[in-house]
PDB file of N, CA and C in Angstrom:
ATOM      1  N   MET A   1       0.820  -1.194   0.000  1.00  0.00           N
ATOM      2  CA  MET A   1       0.000   0.000   0.000  1.00  0.00           C
ATOM      3  C   MET A   1       0.865   1.258   0.000  1.00  0.00           C
ATOM      4  N   ARG A   2       1.950   1.234   0.769  1.00  0.00           N
ATOM      5  CA  ARG A   2       2.849   2.386   0.826  1.00  0.00           C
ATOM      6  C   ARG A   2       3.476   2.648  -0.537  1.00  0.00           C
ATOM      7  N   LEU A   3       3.779   1.590  -1.275  1.00  0.00           N
ATOM      8  CA  LEU A   3       4.369   1.733  -2.610  1.00  0.00           C
ATOM      9  C   LEU A   3       3.394   2.415  -3.562  1.00  0.00           C
ATOM     10  N   ILE A   4       2.131   2.039  -3.483  1.00  0.00           N
ATOM     11  CA  ILE A   4       1.119   2.646  -4.363  1.00  0.00           C
ATOM     12  C   ILE A   4       0.976   4.128  -4.060  1.00  0.00           C
ATOM     13  N   ARG A   5       0.931   4.489  -2.774  1.00  0.00           N
ATOM     14  CA  ARG A   5       0.837   5.909  -2.402  1.00  0.00           C
ATOM     15  C   ARG A   5       2.054   6.686  -2.887  1.00  0.00           C
ATOM     16  N   SER A   6       3.207   6.094  -2.751  1.00  0.00           N
ATOM     17  CA  SER A   6       4.436   6.758  -3.203  1.00  0.00           C
ATOM     18  C   SER A   6       4.429   6.973  -4.707  1.00  0.00           C
ATOM     19  N   LEU A   7       3.969   5.974  -5.447  1.00  0.00           N
ATOM     20  CA  LEU A   7       3.902   6.108  -6.904  1.00  0.00           C
ATOM     21  C   LEU A   7       2.891   7.174  -7.324  1.00  0.00           C
ATOM     22  N   ILE A   8       1.760   7.226  -6.649  1.00  0.00           N
ATOM     23  CA  ILE A   8       0.758   8.250  -6.960  1.00  0.00           C
ATOM     24  C   ILE A   8       1.301   9.634  -6.642  1.00  0.00           C
ATOM     25  N   ALA A   9       1.971   9.790  -5.496  1.00  0.00           N
ATOM     26  CA  ALA A   9       2.562  11.083  -5.145  1.00  0.00           C
ATOM     27  C   ALA A   9       3.629  11.477  -6.156  1.00  0.00           C
ATOM     28  N   LEU A  10       4.440  10.526  -6.586  1.00  0.00           N
ATOM     29  CA  LEU A  10       5.475  10.802  -7.581  1.00  0.00           C
ATOM     30  C   LEU A  10       4.864  11.230  -8.911  1.00  0.00           C
ATOM     31  N   CYS A  11       3.744  10.619  -9.283  1.00  0.00           N
ATOM     32  CA  CYS A  11       3.052  11.023 -10.516  1.00  0.00           C
ATOM     33  C   CYS A  11       2.551  12.462 -10.424  1.00  0.00           C
ATOM     34  N   PHE A  12       2.002  12.846  -9.264  1.00  0.00           N
ATOM     35  CA  PHE A  12       1.529  14.217  -9.101  1.00  0.00           C
ATOM     36  C   PHE A  12       2.688  15.214  -9.101  1.00  0.00           C
ATOM     37  N   VAL A  13       3.801  14.847  -8.527  1.00  0.00           N
ATOM     38  CA  VAL A  13       4.972  15.725  -8.560  1.00  0.00           C
ATOM     39  C   VAL A  13       5.448  15.894 -10.003  1.00  0.00           C
ATOM     40  N   ALA A  14       5.488  14.808 -10.748  1.00  0.00           N
ATOM     41  CA  ALA A  14       5.902  14.882 -12.153  1.00  0.00           C
ATOM     42  C   ALA A  14       4.933  15.744 -12.960  1.00  0.00           C
ATOM     43  N   LEU A  15       3.633  15.587 -12.710  1.00  0.00           N
ATOM     44  CA  LEU A  15       2.648  16.423 -13.411  1.00  0.00           C
ATOM     45  C   LEU A  15       2.827  17.898 -13.054  1.00  0.00           C
ATOM     46  N   GLY A  16       3.137  18.198 -11.808  1.00  0.00           N
ATOM     47  CA  GLY A  16       3.381  19.580 -11.403  1.00  0.00           C
ATOM     48  C   GLY A  16       4.602  20.162 -12.098  1.00  0.00           C
ATOM     49  N   ILE A  17       5.656  19.371 -12.223  1.00  0.00           N
ATOM     50  CA  ILE A  17       6.860  19.838 -12.907  1.00  0.00           C
ATOM     51  C   ILE A  17       6.572  20.090 -14.378  1.00  0.00           C
ATOM     52  N   VAL A  18       5.857  19.173 -15.021  1.00  0.00           N
ATOM     53  CA  VAL A  18       5.507  19.355 -16.433  1.00  0.00           C
ATOM     54  C   VAL A  18       4.610  20.575 -16.598  1.00  0.00           C
ATOM     55  N   PHE A  19       3.638  20.751 -15.699  1.00  0.00           N
ATOM     56  CA  PHE A  19       2.738  21.904 -15.756  1.00  0.00           C
ATOM     57  C   PHE A  19       3.520  23.202 -15.648  1.00  0.00           C
ATOM     58  N   GLY A  20       4.447  23.250 -14.712  1.00  0.00           N
ATOM     59  CA  GLY A  20       5.264  24.454 -14.542  1.00  0.00           C
ATOM     60  C   GLY A  20       6.162  24.715 -15.736  1.00  0.00           C
ATOM     61  N   ALA A  21       6.678  23.666 -16.340  1.00  0.00           N
ATOM     62  CA  ALA A  21       7.572  23.840 -17.486  1.00  0.00           C
ATOM     63  C   ALA A  21       6.823  24.292 -18.736  1.00  0.00           C
ATOM     64  N   LEU A  22       5.592  23.855 -18.897  1.00  0.00           N
ATOM     65  CA  LEU A  22       4.833  24.205 -20.092  1.00  0.00           C
ATOM     66  C   LEU A  22       4.198  25.593 -20.024  1.00  0.00           C
ATOM     67  N   ASN A  23       4.070  26.158 -18.843  1.00  0.00           N
ATOM     68  CA  ASN A  23       3.433  27.468 -18.666  1.00  0.00           C
ATOM     69  C   ASN A  23       4.472  28.477 -18.200  1.00  0.00           C
ATOM     70  N   ARG A  24       5.260  28.968 -19.132  1.00  0.00           N
ATOM     71  CA  ARG A  24       6.376  29.853 -18.804  1.00  0.00           C
ATOM     72  C   ARG A  24       6.068  31.332 -19.042  1.00  0.00           C
ATOM     73  N   GLU A  25       4.846  31.673 -19.395  1.00  0.00           N
ATOM     74  CA  GLU A  25       4.512  33.068 -19.662  1.00  0.00           C
ATOM     75  C   GLU A  25       4.575  33.878 -18.366  1.00  0.00           C
ATOM     76  N   PRO A  26       5.120  35.104 -18.438  1.00  0.00           N
ATOM     77  CA  PRO A  26       5.162  35.939 -17.230  1.00  0.00           C
ATOM     78  C   PRO A  26       3.771  36.489 -16.911  1.00  0.00           C
ATOM     79  N   VAL A  27       3.418  36.439 -15.628  1.00  0.00           N
ATOM     80  CA  VAL A  27       2.127  36.959 -15.183  1.00  0.00           C
ATOM     81  C   VAL A  27       2.327  37.747 -13.892  1.00  0.00           C
ATOM     82  N   ARG A  28       1.326  38.546 -13.578  1.00  0.00           N
ATOM     83  CA  ARG A  28       1.318  39.286 -12.313  1.00  0.00           C
ATOM     84  C   ARG A  28      -0.060  39.094 -11.697  1.00  0.00           C
ATOM     85  N   VAL A  29      -0.095  38.568 -10.465  1.00  0.00           N
ATOM     86  CA  VAL A  29      -1.347  38.336  -9.748  1.00  0.00           C
ATOM     87  C   VAL A  29      -1.431  39.362  -8.630  1.00  0.00           C
ATOM     88  N   ASP A  30      -2.474  40.181  -8.671  1.00  0.00           N
ATOM     89  CA  ASP A  30      -2.665  41.219  -7.663  1.00  0.00           C
ATOM     90  C   ASP A  30      -3.526  40.659  -6.544  1.00  0.00           C
ATOM     91  N   LEU A  31      -3.011  40.685  -5.314  1.00  0.00           N
ATOM     92  CA  LEU A  31      -3.712  40.139  -4.157  1.00  0.00           C
ATOM     93  C   LEU A  31      -4.256  41.238  -3.248  1.00  0.00           C
ATOM     94  N   TRP A  32      -4.445  42.421  -3.738  1.00  0.00           N
ATOM     95  CA  TRP A  32      -4.958  43.614  -3.057  1.00  0.00           C
ATOM     96  C   TRP A  32      -3.921  44.212  -2.121  1.00  0.00           C
ATOM     97  N   PHE A  33      -3.309  43.432  -1.262  1.00  0.00           N
ATOM     98  CA  PHE A  33      -2.296  43.954  -0.353  1.00  0.00           C
ATOM     99  C   PHE A  33      -0.890  43.771  -0.887  1.00  0.00           C
ATOM    100  N   SER A  34      -0.704  42.928  -1.877  1.00  0.00           N
ATOM    101  CA  SER A  34       0.595  42.748  -2.545  1.00  0.00           C
ATOM    102  C   SER A  34       0.345  42.112  -3.899  1.00  0.00           C
ATOM    103  N   ALA A  35       1.406  41.893  -4.626  1.00  0.00           N
ATOM    104  CA  ALA A  35       1.295  41.284  -5.946  1.00  0.00           C
ATOM    105  C   ALA A  35       2.377  40.221  -6.097  1.00  0.00           C
ATOM    106  N   ILE A  36       2.054  39.201  -6.868  1.00  0.00           N
ATOM    107  CA  ILE A  36       2.998  38.126  -7.157  1.00  0.00           C
ATOM    108  C   ILE A  36       3.313  38.186  -8.637  1.00  0.00           C
ATOM    109  N   SER A  37       4.583  38.258  -8.957  1.00  0.00           N
ATOM    110  CA  SER A  37       5.004  38.230 -10.353  1.00  0.00           C
ATOM    111  C   SER A  37       5.880  37.008 -10.564  1.00  0.00           C
ATOM    112  N   GLY A  38       5.696  36.367 -11.676  1.00  0.00           N
ATOM    113  CA  GLY A  38       6.504  35.192 -11.975  1.00  0.00           C
ATOM    114  C   GLY A  38       5.933  34.450 -13.164  1.00  0.00           C
ATOM    115  N   ARG A  39       6.440  33.257 -13.371  1.00  0.00           N
ATOM    116  CA  ARG A  39       5.930  32.448 -14.464  1.00  0.00           C
ATOM    117  C   ARG A  39       4.566  31.887 -14.088  1.00  0.00           C
ATOM    118  N   LEU A  40       3.717  31.696 -15.074  1.00  0.00           N
ATOM    119  CA  LEU A  40       2.338  31.278 -14.858  1.00  0.00           C
ATOM    120  C   LEU A  40       2.255  29.965 -14.086  1.00  0.00           C
ATOM    121  N   GLY A  41       3.013  28.977 -14.484  1.00  0.00           N
ATOM    122  CA  GLY A  41       2.957  27.682 -13.818  1.00  0.00           C
ATOM    123  C   GLY A  41       3.384  27.762 -12.367  1.00  0.00           C
ATOM    124  N   LEU A  42       4.438  28.492 -12.100  1.00  0.00           N
ATOM    125  CA  LEU A  42       4.939  28.629 -10.736  1.00  0.00           C
ATOM    126  C   LEU A  42       3.954  29.393  -9.850  1.00  0.00           C
ATOM    127  N   VAL A  43       3.380  30.459 -10.389  1.00  0.00           N
ATOM    128  CA  VAL A  43       2.416  31.250  -9.619  1.00  0.00           C
ATOM    129  C   VAL A  43       1.168  30.429  -9.313  1.00  0.00           C
ATOM    130  N   LEU A  44       0.669  29.671 -10.295  1.00  0.00           N
ATOM    131  CA  LEU A  44      -0.518  28.851 -10.063  1.00  0.00           C
ATOM    132  C   LEU A  44      -0.261  27.767  -9.017  1.00  0.00           C
ATOM    133  N   LEU A  45       0.887  27.127  -9.083  1.00  0.00           N
ATOM    134  CA  LEU A  45       1.216  26.102  -8.095  1.00  0.00           C
ATOM    135  C   LEU A  45       1.383  26.712  -6.705  1.00  0.00           C
ATOM    136  N   ALA A  46       1.966  27.898  -6.613  1.00  0.00           N
ATOM    137  CA  ALA A  46       2.136  28.565  -5.320  1.00  0.00           C
ATOM    138  C   ALA A  46       0.792  28.955  -4.721  1.00  0.00           C
ATOM    139  N   VAL A  47      -0.110  29.471  -5.548  1.00  0.00           N
ATOM    140  CA  VAL A  47      -1.435  29.862  -5.064  1.00  0.00           C
ATOM    141  C   VAL A  47      -2.235  28.619  -4.656  1.00  0.00           C
ATOM    142  N   LEU A  48      -2.079  27.533  -5.386  1.00  0.00           N
ATOM    143  CA  LEU A  48      -2.740  26.287  -5.023  1.00  0.00           C
ATOM    144  C   LEU A  48      -2.241  25.777  -3.671  1.00  0.00           C
ATOM    145  N   LEU A  49      -0.950  25.833  -3.462  1.00  0.00           N
ATOM    146  CA  LEU A  49      -0.374  25.407  -2.189  1.00  0.00           C
ATOM    147  C   LEU A  49      -0.851  26.304  -1.046  1.00  0.00           C
ATOM    148  N   ALA A  50      -0.870  27.613  -1.278  1.00  0.00           N
ATOM    149  CA  ALA A  50      -1.343  28.542  -0.242  1.00  0.00           C
ATOM    150  C   ALA A  50      -2.814  28.281   0.089  1.00  0.00           C
ATOM    151  N   GLY A  51      -3.630  28.001  -0.907  1.00  0.00           N
ATOM    152  CA  GLY A  51      -5.035  27.687  -0.669  1.00  0.00           C
ATOM    153  C   GLY A  51      -5.214  26.412   0.132  1.00  0.00           C
ATOM    154  N   ALA A  52      -4.386  25.403  -0.139  1.00  0.00           N
ATOM    155  CA  ALA A  52      -4.464  24.152   0.618  1.00  0.00           C
ATOM    156  C   ALA A  52      -4.071  24.378   2.077  1.00  0.00           C
ATOM    157  N   VAL A  53      -3.052  25.194   2.310  1.00  0.00           N
ATOM    158  CA  VAL A  53      -2.625  25.477   3.679  1.00  0.00           C
ATOM    159  C   VAL A  53      -3.702  26.251   4.429  1.00  0.00           C
ATOM    160  N   VAL A  54      -4.272  27.278   3.808  1.00  0.00           N
ATOM    161  CA  VAL A  54      -5.322  28.063   4.462  1.00  0.00           C
ATOM    162  C   VAL A  54      -6.554  27.190   4.716  1.00  0.00           C
ATOM    163  N   GLY A  55      -6.924  26.353   3.760  1.00  0.00           N
ATOM    164  CA  GLY A  55      -8.052  25.446   3.959  1.00  0.00           C
ATOM    165  C   GLY A  55      -7.813  24.472   5.097  1.00  0.00           C
ATOM    166  N   GLY A  56      -6.605  23.954   5.203  1.00  0.00           N
ATOM    167  CA  GLY A  56      -6.274  23.058   6.304  1.00  0.00           C
ATOM    168  C   GLY A  56      -6.357  23.747   7.649  1.00  0.00           C
ATOM    169  N   LEU A  57      -5.899  24.986   7.718  1.00  0.00           N
ATOM    170  CA  LEU A  57      -5.997  25.740   8.965  1.00  0.00           C
ATOM    171  C   LEU A  57      -7.444  26.004   9.354  1.00  0.00           C
ATOM    172  N   VAL A  58      -8.283  26.336   8.380  1.00  0.00           N
ATOM    173  CA  VAL A  58      -9.688  26.597   8.657  1.00  0.00           C
ATOM    174  C   VAL A  58     -10.373  25.336   9.176  1.00  0.00           C
ATOM    175  N   VAL A  59     -10.098  24.193   8.552  1.00  0.00           N
ATOM    176  CA  VAL A  59     -10.692  22.936   9.014  1.00  0.00           C
ATOM    177  C   VAL A  59     -10.194  22.594  10.409  1.00  0.00           C
ATOM    178  N   THR A  60      -8.901  22.806  10.657  1.00  0.00           N
ATOM    179  CA  THR A  60      -8.357  22.509  11.976  1.00  0.00           C
ATOM    180  C   THR A  60      -9.005  23.374  13.043  1.00  0.00           C
ATOM    181  N   LEU A  61      -9.118  24.661  12.783  1.00  0.00           N
ATOM    182  CA  LEU A  61      -9.691  25.566  13.775  1.00  0.00           C
ATOM    183  C   LEU A  61     -11.199  25.397  13.918  1.00  0.00           C
ATOM    184  N   GLY A  62     -11.875  25.059  12.843  1.00  0.00           N
ATOM    185  CA  GLY A  62     -13.330  24.980  12.888  1.00  0.00           C
ATOM    186  C   GLY A  62     -13.890  23.622  13.254  1.00  0.00           C
ATOM    187  N   VAL A  63     -13.124  22.551  13.042  1.00  0.00           N
ATOM    188  CA  VAL A  63     -13.658  21.210  13.271  1.00  0.00           C
ATOM    189  C   VAL A  63     -12.809  20.415  14.257  1.00  0.00           C
ATOM    190  N   VAL A  64     -11.525  20.330  13.999  1.00  0.00           N
ATOM    191  CA  VAL A  64     -10.666  19.439  14.781  1.00  0.00           C
ATOM    192  C   VAL A  64     -10.539  19.905  16.224  1.00  0.00           C
ATOM    193  N   LEU A  65     -10.222  21.160  16.443  1.00  0.00           N
ATOM    194  CA  LEU A  65     -10.043  21.640  17.814  1.00  0.00           C
ATOM    195  C   LEU A  65     -11.324  21.560  18.643  1.00  0.00           C
ATOM    196  N   PRO A  66     -12.500  21.953  18.122  1.00  0.00           N
ATOM    197  CA  PRO A  66     -13.719  21.771  18.924  1.00  0.00           C
ATOM    198  C   PRO A  66     -14.015  20.300  19.244  1.00  0.00           C
ATOM    199  N   LEU A  67     -13.738  19.400  18.297  1.00  0.00           N
ATOM    200  CA  LEU A  67     -13.960  17.982  18.578  1.00  0.00           C
ATOM    201  C   LEU A  67     -13.006  17.472  19.643  1.00  0.00           C
ATOM    202  N   ARG A  68     -11.760  17.886  19.573  1.00  0.00           N
ATOM    203  CA  ARG A  68     -10.803  17.473  20.606  1.00  0.00           C
ATOM    204  C   ARG A  68     -11.221  18.000  21.970  1.00  0.00           C
ATOM    205  N   ARG A  69     -11.713  19.229  21.990  1.00  0.00           N
ATOM    206  CA  ARG A  69     -12.153  19.822  23.252  1.00  0.00           C
ATOM    207  C   ARG A  69     -13.341  19.059  23.823  1.00  0.00           C
ATOM    208  N   SER A  70     -14.295  18.693  22.975  1.00  0.00           N
ATOM    209  CA  SER A  70     -15.465  17.958  23.473  1.00  0.00           C
ATOM    210  C   SER A  70     -15.081  16.544  23.893  1.00  0.00           C
ATOM    211  N   ILE A  71     -14.152  15.928  23.229  1.00  0.00           N
ATOM    212  CA  ILE A  71     -13.688  14.600  23.636  1.00  0.00           C
ATOM    213  C   ILE A  71     -12.986  14.682  24.981  1.00  0.00           C
ATOM    214  N   ALA A  72     -12.165  15.713  25.168  1.00  0.00           N
ATOM    215  CA  ALA A  72     -11.470  15.871  26.446  1.00  0.00           C
ATOM    216  C   ALA A  72     -12.466  16.091  27.582  1.00  0.00           C
ATOM    217  N   ARG A  73     -13.518  16.829  27.338  1.00  0.00           N
ATOM    218  CA  ARG A  73     -14.552  17.040  28.361  1.00  0.00           C
ATOM    219  C   ARG A  73     -15.270  15.740  28.693  1.00  0.00           C
ATOM    220  N   GLY A  74     -15.538  14.959  27.687  1.00  0.00           N
ATOM    221  CA  GLY A  74     -16.255  13.708  27.886  1.00  0.00           C
ATOM    222  C   GLY A  74     -15.453  12.699  28.688  1.00  0.00           C
ATOM    223  N   ARG A  75     -14.150  12.690  28.540  1.00  0.00           N
ATOM    224  CA  ARG A  75     -13.292  11.753  29.258  1.00  0.00           C
ATOM    225  C   ARG A  75     -12.884  12.272  30.622  1.00  0.00           C
ATOM    226  N   GLY A  76     -13.098  13.556  30.874  1.00  0.00           N
ATOM    227  CA  GLY A  76     -12.677  14.129  32.137  1.00  0.00           C
ATOM    228  C   GLY A  76     -11.229  14.582  32.117  1.00  0.00           C
ATOM    229  N   ASP A  77     -10.635  14.670  30.946  1.00  0.00           N
ATOM    230  CA  ASP A  77      -9.247  15.111  30.831  1.00  0.00           C
ATOM    231  C   ASP A  77      -9.127  16.615  30.684  1.00  0.00           C
ATOM    232  N   ALA A  78     -10.243  17.306  30.671  1.00  0.00           N
ATOM    233  CA  ALA A  78     -10.214  18.748  30.462  1.00  0.00           C
ATOM    234  C   ALA A  78      -9.656  19.432  31.706  1.00  0.00           C
ATOM    235  N   PRO A  79      -9.057  20.594  31.557  1.00  0.00           N
ATOM    236  CA  PRO A  79      -8.596  21.350  32.728  1.00  0.00           C
ATOM    237  C   PRO A  79      -9.759  21.708  33.641  1.00  0.00           C
ATOM    238  N   LEU A  80      -9.465  22.046  34.875  1.00  0.00           N
ATOM    239  CA  LEU A  80     -10.500  22.303  35.871  1.00  0.00           C
ATOM    240  C   LEU A  80     -11.422  23.451  35.488  1.00  0.00           C
ATOM    241  N   GLN A  81     -10.926  24.458  34.764  1.00  0.00           N
ATOM    242  CA  GLN A  81     -11.758  25.591  34.402  1.00  0.00           C
ATOM    243  C   GLN A  81     -12.853  25.183  33.410  1.00  0.00           C
ATOM    244  N   GLU A  82     -12.604  24.158  32.591  1.00  0.00           N
ATOM    245  CA  GLU A  82     -13.552  23.782  31.564  1.00  0.00           C
ATOM    246  C   GLU A  82     -14.557  22.730  32.032  1.00  0.00           C
ATOM    247  N   ARG A  83     -14.316  22.065  33.142  1.00  0.00           N
ATOM    248  CA  ARG A  83     -15.220  21.015  33.615  1.00  0.00           C
ATOM    249  C   ARG A  83     -16.520  21.626  34.131  1.00  0.00           C
ATOM    250  N   LYS A  84     -17.610  20.965  33.785  1.00  0.00           N
ATOM    251  CA  LYS A  84     -18.923  21.395  34.247  1.00  0.00           C
ATOM    252  C   LYS A  84     -19.294  20.574  35.485  1.00  0.00           C
ATOM    253  N   PRO A  85     -19.951  21.177  36.451  1.00  0.00           N
ATOM    254  CA  PRO A  85     -20.362  20.399  37.624  1.00  0.00           C
ATOM    255  C   PRO A  85     -21.426  19.379  37.245  1.00  0.00           C
ATOM    256  N   ALA A  86     -21.428  18.257  37.921  1.00  0.00           N
ATOM    257  CA  ALA A  86     -22.416  17.203  37.662  1.00  0.00           C
ATOM    258  C   ALA A  86     -23.782  17.668  38.137  1.00  0.00           C
ATOM    259  N   PRO A  87     -24.834  17.363  37.365  1.00  0.00           N
ATOM    260  CA  PRO A  87     -26.184  17.798  37.760  1.00  0.00           C
ATOM    261  C   PRO A  87     -26.719  16.984  38.912  1.00  0.00           C
TER     262      PRO A  87
END
């Protein structure tokens, strides 16, 4: 299974390299607070990576941390300030 994942990841890396090599036109992307200038393929891959990182942070802050907090409360591992008194 690890070999299959590695081969799939290697294929995506190769596709990214080919994509970047085929799109060499200079572009400028205005982000309102700054601008990115560079080759089209490189800029698109960088923006894609930045979007994945921001999306991961949003999911972590919006889903993972609240679930961990509720699990900790349920097990009694939460700090004393967060524990609710028993009814």
